[in-house]
Amino acid sequence: MRTKIFILCVSCMLMATQVKAQWAVFDPSNLAQSIVNTTRNVTQTTTTATNMVKSFQEVQKVYNQSKQYYDALKAVNGLVKDAKKVQKTILMVGEISDIYVHNYQKMLSDPNYSVEELGAIANGYAKLLEQSNDVLNELKGVVNISTLSLSDKDRMDVVNSCHDSMLEYRNLVRYYTNKNIGVSYLRAKKKGETARVNALYGNPSERYW
């Protein structure tokens, strides 16, 4: 039993060191906050659809930088169970960003939204991403090996809590996306243009609404 506990502690320490090094080289919390800040700039400075599309390209640049990090992290295998949960929690932030960027890009070409509505939708994504980033920062604190005030059990309890919270935010972002696309679908249905919406957001078997 003592041997198993020792192995778990060593594994957690190694993962903490690995994640700390990753954060030092490429901080995922900074990436997420950069997307939030750029998104807010889009909603605050654009007044036309054309300007919004151009401004959103800045969000895409930040997203493309973060995608390289998350793709590399996905390729990391052979982690112990608890370390795997840390990895999954970080990756969910990338998934949230992915859901936002890809779907919002489609919304920008959807005439069923006004410029004001697009700004409000982007602002909603920014709030959700910022809240998920708060969870990421909490996780960052407990995997840092210099955090000596927590026991291994307390540390793992925080990791589990962060994972569960991030999962809720990921699901909430999906729901938020589905509801917004659903608005477009209902408006298109009234105009007899559902085929165009299906073509934009996916075929009938992959509907978001």
Protein backbone atom coordinates (compact mmCIF):
# COMPACT_ATOMS: atom_id res chain seq x y z
CA MET A 1 0.00 0.00 0.00
CA ARG A 2 2.81 2.39 0.93
CA THR A 3 4.51 1.60 -2.37
CA LYS A 4 1.36 2.53 -4.32
CA ILE A 5 1.03 5.80 -2.42
CA PHE A 6 4.69 6.62 -3.06
CA ILE A 7 4.32 5.90 -6.79
CA LEU A 8 1.22 8.11 -6.96
CA CYS A 9 2.99 10.96 -5.18
CA VAL A 10 6.00 10.72 -7.48
CA SER A 11 3.74 10.62 -10.54
CA CYS A 12 1.88 13.72 -9.35
CA MET A 13 5.15 15.53 -8.71
CA LEU A 14 6.43 14.64 -12.17
CA MET A 15 3.20 15.81 -13.75
CA ALA A 16 3.32 19.01 -11.72
CA THR A 17 6.85 19.63 -12.96
CA GLN A 18 5.84 18.86 -16.55
CA VAL A 19 2.77 21.11 -16.49
CA LYS A 20 4.69 23.88 -14.72
CA ALA A 21 7.28 23.72 -17.49
CA GLN A 22 4.54 23.82 -20.14
CA TRP A 23 2.94 26.83 -18.47
CA ALA A 24 6.30 28.58 -18.35
CA VAL A 25 6.90 28.01 -22.05
CA PHE A 26 3.33 28.47 -23.31
CA ASP A 27 0.77 29.57 -20.76
CA PRO A 28 -2.72 28.32 -21.75
CA SER A 29 -4.34 30.71 -19.28
CA ASN A 30 -2.68 33.65 -21.05
CA LEU A 31 -3.89 32.28 -24.38
CA ALA A 32 -7.47 32.05 -23.17
CA GLN A 33 -7.33 35.56 -21.71
CA SER A 34 -5.89 36.88 -24.98
CA ILE A 35 -8.88 35.48 -26.85
CA VAL A 36 -11.20 37.08 -24.28
CA ASN A 37 -9.49 40.47 -24.58
CA THR A 38 -9.50 40.39 -28.38
CA THR A 39 -13.14 39.35 -28.46
CA ARG A 40 -14.10 42.24 -26.20
CA ASN A 41 -12.24 44.59 -28.47
CA VAL A 42 -14.31 43.25 -31.37
CA THR A 43 -17.58 43.94 -29.57
CA GLN A 44 -16.54 47.39 -28.35
CA THR A 45 -15.02 48.86 -31.51
CA THR A 46 -17.08 47.47 -34.40
CA THR A 47 -20.29 49.03 -35.65
CA THR A 48 -20.71 47.27 -39.00
CA ALA A 49 -20.67 43.66 -40.13
CA THR A 50 -17.63 44.30 -42.35
CA ASN A 51 -15.63 45.79 -39.49
CA MET A 52 -16.68 42.95 -37.21
CA VAL A 53 -15.42 40.34 -39.68
CA LYS A 54 -12.07 42.14 -39.99
CA SER A 55 -11.75 42.49 -36.22
CA PHE A 56 -12.64 38.85 -35.65
CA GLN A 57 -9.65 37.89 -37.75
CA GLU A 58 -7.52 39.03 -34.79
CA VAL A 59 -9.35 36.52 -32.59
CA GLN A 60 -8.60 33.83 -35.15
CA LYS A 61 -4.89 34.70 -35.06
CA VAL A 62 -4.77 34.18 -31.29
CA TYR A 63 -6.83 31.00 -31.64
CA ASN A 64 -4.43 29.59 -34.25
CA GLN A 65 -1.53 30.19 -31.86
CA SER A 66 -3.34 28.37 -29.07
CA LYS A 67 -4.38 25.52 -31.36
CA GLN A 68 -0.74 24.58 -31.87
CA TYR A 69 -0.34 24.24 -28.11
CA TYR A 70 -3.51 22.19 -27.61
CA ASP A 71 -2.74 19.91 -30.56
CA ALA A 72 0.68 19.20 -29.06
CA LEU A 73 -0.86 18.51 -25.65
CA LYS A 74 -3.33 16.05 -27.20
CA ALA A 75 -0.39 14.02 -28.45
CA VAL A 76 0.96 13.46 -24.91
CA ASN A 77 0.24 9.86 -23.92
CA GLY A 78 1.08 7.50 -21.09
CA LEU A 79 0.09 9.79 -18.25
CA VAL A 80 -1.13 8.43 -14.92
CA LYS A 81 -4.84 8.73 -14.16
CA ASP A 82 -4.70 11.97 -12.16
CA ALA A 83 -2.26 13.59 -14.55
CA LYS A 84 -4.58 12.62 -17.40
CA LYS A 85 -7.38 14.56 -15.71
CA VAL A 86 -5.16 17.66 -15.58
CA GLN A 87 -4.46 17.24 -19.28
CA LYS A 88 -8.17 16.83 -20.11
CA THR A 89 -9.07 19.93 -18.10
CA ILE A 90 -6.56 22.07 -19.99
CA LEU A 91 -7.68 20.62 -23.32
CA MET A 92 -11.30 21.53 -22.62
CA VAL A 93 -10.31 25.22 -22.65
CA GLY A 94 -9.00 24.63 -26.16
CA GLU A 95 -12.25 22.88 -27.05
CA ILE A 96 -14.27 25.84 -25.75
CA SER A 97 -12.19 28.19 -27.89
CA ASP A 98 -12.67 25.89 -30.87
CA ILE A 99 -16.47 25.81 -30.46
CA TYR A 100 -16.54 29.60 -30.23
CA VAL A 101 -14.25 30.44 -33.13
CA HIS A 102 -15.62 27.95 -35.65
CA ASN A 103 -19.30 28.61 -34.96
CA TYR A 104 -18.99 32.37 -34.59
CA GLN A 105 -17.17 32.56 -37.91
CA LYS A 106 -20.23 30.94 -39.50
CA MET A 107 -22.58 33.31 -37.65
CA LEU A 108 -20.74 36.27 -39.14
CA SER A 109 -21.89 35.15 -42.60
CA ASP A 110 -25.45 34.44 -41.42
CA PRO A 111 -27.89 37.24 -42.39
CA ASN A 112 -30.32 36.12 -39.70
CA TYR A 113 -28.28 38.02 -37.07
CA SER A 114 -27.97 41.78 -36.72
CA VAL A 115 -24.63 43.44 -35.96
CA GLU A 116 -25.88 44.18 -32.44
CA GLU A 117 -26.83 40.54 -31.92
CA LEU A 118 -23.45 39.36 -33.17
CA GLY A 119 -21.78 41.69 -30.68
CA ALA A 120 -23.92 40.35 -27.84
CA ILE A 121 -23.19 36.75 -28.84
CA ALA A 122 -19.44 37.43 -28.92
CA ASN A 123 -19.66 39.10 -25.51
CA GLY A 124 -21.41 36.01 -24.15
CA TYR A 125 -18.64 33.78 -25.45
CA ALA A 126 -16.05 36.09 -23.87
CA LYS A 127 -17.73 35.80 -20.46
CA LEU A 128 -17.93 32.02 -20.65
CA LEU A 129 -14.32 31.71 -21.78
CA GLU A 130 -13.15 34.05 -19.02
CA GLN A 131 -14.99 32.00 -16.40
CA SER A 132 -13.42 28.81 -17.71
CA ASN A 133 -10.05 30.56 -17.60
CA ASP A 134 -10.61 31.26 -13.90
CA VAL A 135 -10.85 27.50 -13.39
CA LEU A 136 -7.67 27.05 -15.41
CA ASN A 137 -5.84 29.50 -13.17
CA GLU A 138 -7.03 27.60 -10.10
CA LEU A 139 -5.69 24.39 -11.64
CA LYS A 140 -2.42 26.15 -12.45
CA GLY A 141 -1.99 26.95 -8.76
CA VAL A 142 -2.32 23.37 -7.51
CA VAL A 143 -0.12 21.69 -10.12
CA ASN A 144 2.70 24.11 -9.37
CA ILE A 145 5.16 22.03 -7.38
CA SER A 146 6.06 25.02 -5.20
CA THR A 147 2.55 24.90 -3.68
CA LEU A 148 3.46 23.04 -0.50
CA SER A 149 0.48 23.97 1.68
CA LEU A 150 -1.77 21.28 0.15
CA SER A 151 -1.67 17.58 0.86
CA ASP A 152 -1.72 15.17 -2.09
CA LYS A 153 -5.38 14.41 -1.38
CA ASP A 154 -6.29 18.10 -1.23
CA ARG A 155 -4.40 18.68 -4.46
CA MET A 156 -6.25 15.87 -6.23
CA ASP A 157 -9.58 17.12 -4.84
CA VAL A 158 -8.92 20.50 -6.47
CA VAL A 159 -7.91 18.82 -9.74
CA ASN A 160 -11.16 16.82 -9.73
CA SER A 161 -13.19 19.92 -8.91
CA CYS A 162 -11.52 21.90 -11.70
CA HIS A 163 -12.14 19.10 -14.17
CA ASP A 164 -15.83 18.91 -13.27
CA SER A 165 -16.24 22.70 -13.42
CA MET A 166 -14.52 22.89 -16.80
CA LEU A 167 -16.76 20.12 -18.11
CA GLU A 168 -19.80 22.16 -17.08
CA TYR A 169 -18.46 25.25 -18.87
CA ARG A 170 -17.68 23.21 -22.00
CA ASN A 171 -21.25 21.86 -22.03
CA LEU A 172 -22.63 25.34 -21.35
CA VAL A 173 -20.71 26.77 -24.33
CA ARG A 174 -22.15 24.02 -26.51
CA TYR A 175 -25.66 24.80 -25.24
CA TYR A 176 -25.13 28.54 -25.76
CA THR A 177 -23.97 27.87 -29.31
CA ASN A 178 -26.91 25.59 -30.04
CA LYS A 179 -29.45 28.11 -28.74
CA ASN A 180 -27.99 30.92 -30.85
CA ILE A 181 -27.96 28.78 -33.98
CA GLY A 182 -31.50 27.73 -33.14
CA VAL A 183 -32.58 31.38 -33.34
CA SER A 184 -31.18 31.58 -36.87
CA TYR A 185 -32.90 28.35 -37.84
CA LEU A 186 -36.31 29.58 -36.61
CA ARG A 187 -35.91 32.85 -38.50
CA ALA A 188 -34.86 30.98 -41.63
CA LYS A 189 -37.83 28.65 -41.28
CA LYS A 190 -40.22 31.60 -41.36
CA LYS A 191 -38.57 32.75 -44.60
CA GLY A 192 -38.42 29.27 -46.11
CA GLU A 193 -34.61 29.26 -46.05
CA THR A 194 -33.83 26.31 -43.79
CA ALA A 195 -31.74 24.64 -46.49
CA ARG A 196 -29.28 27.53 -46.41
CA VAL A 197 -28.96 27.30 -42.61
CA ASN A 198 -28.46 23.54 -42.82
CA ALA A 199 -25.73 24.08 -45.38
CA LEU A 200 -24.02 26.65 -43.16
CA TYR A 201 -24.10 24.84 -39.81
CA GLY A 202 -24.27 21.21 -40.87
CA ASN A 203 -26.53 18.70 -42.57
CA PRO A 204 -29.80 17.62 -40.90
CA SER A 205 -28.13 14.67 -39.16
CA GLU A 206 -25.70 17.06 -37.45
CA ARG A 207 -28.12 19.80 -36.42
CA TYR A 208 -27.17 21.92 -33.45
CA TRP A 209 -30.71 22.95 -32.55
